[in-house]
Protein backbone atom coordinates (compact mmCIF):
# COMPACT_ATOMS: atom_id res chain seq x y z
CA UNK A 1 -15.80 14.23 7.97
CA UNK A 2 -14.96 10.54 7.73
CA UNK A 3 -14.00 8.09 5.03
CA UNK A 4 -16.10 5.12 3.92
CA UNK A 5 -14.69 1.67 4.75
CA UNK A 6 -13.52 1.20 1.16
CA UNK A 7 -11.53 4.46 1.06
CA UNK A 8 -10.21 4.05 4.60
CA UNK A 9 -8.95 0.61 3.58
CA UNK A 10 -7.23 2.05 0.53
CA UNK A 11 -5.51 4.70 2.67
CA UNK A 12 -4.30 2.00 5.07
CA UNK A 13 -3.09 -0.21 2.21
CA UNK A 14 -1.24 2.70 0.60
CA UNK A 15 0.57 3.39 3.87
CA UNK A 16 1.58 -0.28 4.19
CA UNK A 17 2.90 -0.36 0.63
CA UNK A 18 4.91 2.81 1.15
CA UNK A 19 6.48 1.35 4.32
CA UNK A 20 7.46 -1.82 2.45
CA UNK A 21 8.93 0.17 -0.44
CA UNK A 22 10.96 2.35 1.93
CA UNK A 23 12.35 -0.73 3.67
CA UNK A 24 13.21 -2.25 0.28
CA UNK A 25 14.96 0.98 -0.74
CA UNK A 26 17.13 0.76 2.38
CA UNK A 27 18.05 -2.84 1.50
CA UNK A 28 18.97 -1.83 -2.05
CA UNK A 29 21.05 1.14 -0.86
CA UNK A 30 23.15 -1.22 1.28
CA UNK A 31 24.08 -3.26 -1.81
CA UNK A 32 26.18 -1.12 -4.18
CA UNK A 33 26.10 -3.87 -6.84
CA UNK A 34 22.30 -4.01 -7.03
CA UNK A 35 21.10 -3.14 -10.53
CA UNK A 36 17.98 -1.14 -11.36
CA UNK A 37 16.30 -4.28 -12.66
CA UNK A 38 17.08 -6.19 -9.44
CA UNK A 39 15.86 -3.23 -7.36
CA UNK A 40 12.51 -3.24 -9.14
CA UNK A 41 12.23 -7.01 -8.81
CA UNK A 42 12.82 -6.74 -5.05
CA UNK A 43 10.19 -4.00 -4.74
CA UNK A 44 7.62 -5.98 -6.71
CA UNK A 45 8.27 -9.12 -4.67
CA UNK A 46 7.98 -7.18 -1.40
CA UNK A 47 4.56 -5.83 -2.40
CA UNK A 48 3.39 -9.25 -3.62
CA UNK A 49 4.01 -10.67 -0.15
CA UNK A 50 1.47 -8.27 1.38
CA UNK A 51 -2.04 -9.53 1.95
CA UNK A 52 -4.27 -6.74 0.73
CA UNK A 53 -7.99 -7.45 1.02
CA UNK A 54 -10.42 -6.10 -1.53
CA UNK A 55 -13.12 -4.00 0.10
CA UNK A 56 -16.38 -3.44 -1.72
CA UNK A 57 -18.29 -0.23 -1.00
CA UNK A 58 -21.67 -0.85 0.60
CA UNK A 59 -24.87 0.94 -0.32
CA UNK A 60 -25.75 2.21 3.12
CA UNK A 61 -26.80 5.55 4.51
CA UNK A 62 -24.27 7.09 6.90
CA UNK A 63 -24.89 10.12 9.07
CA UNK A 64 -22.65 13.13 8.42
CA UNK A 65 -20.24 13.83 5.61
CA UNK A 66 -18.49 10.77 4.19
CA UNK A 67 -15.76 11.03 1.59
CA UNK A 68 -15.67 8.37 -1.13
């Protein structure tokens, strides 16, 4: 079983976003004066800095089982 390019890209992007959010959480934990609002703003800004391409699914026939 394999994933189509579109879904594989989404899985990769999700992993990148989770890594960025975890790193942001560590930054916030080191600052005891960081408010919830500031924490969310930092998380949103961290994700905005990522370049996430948009992948369109292609109408092509692929051998074997493909998950979409």
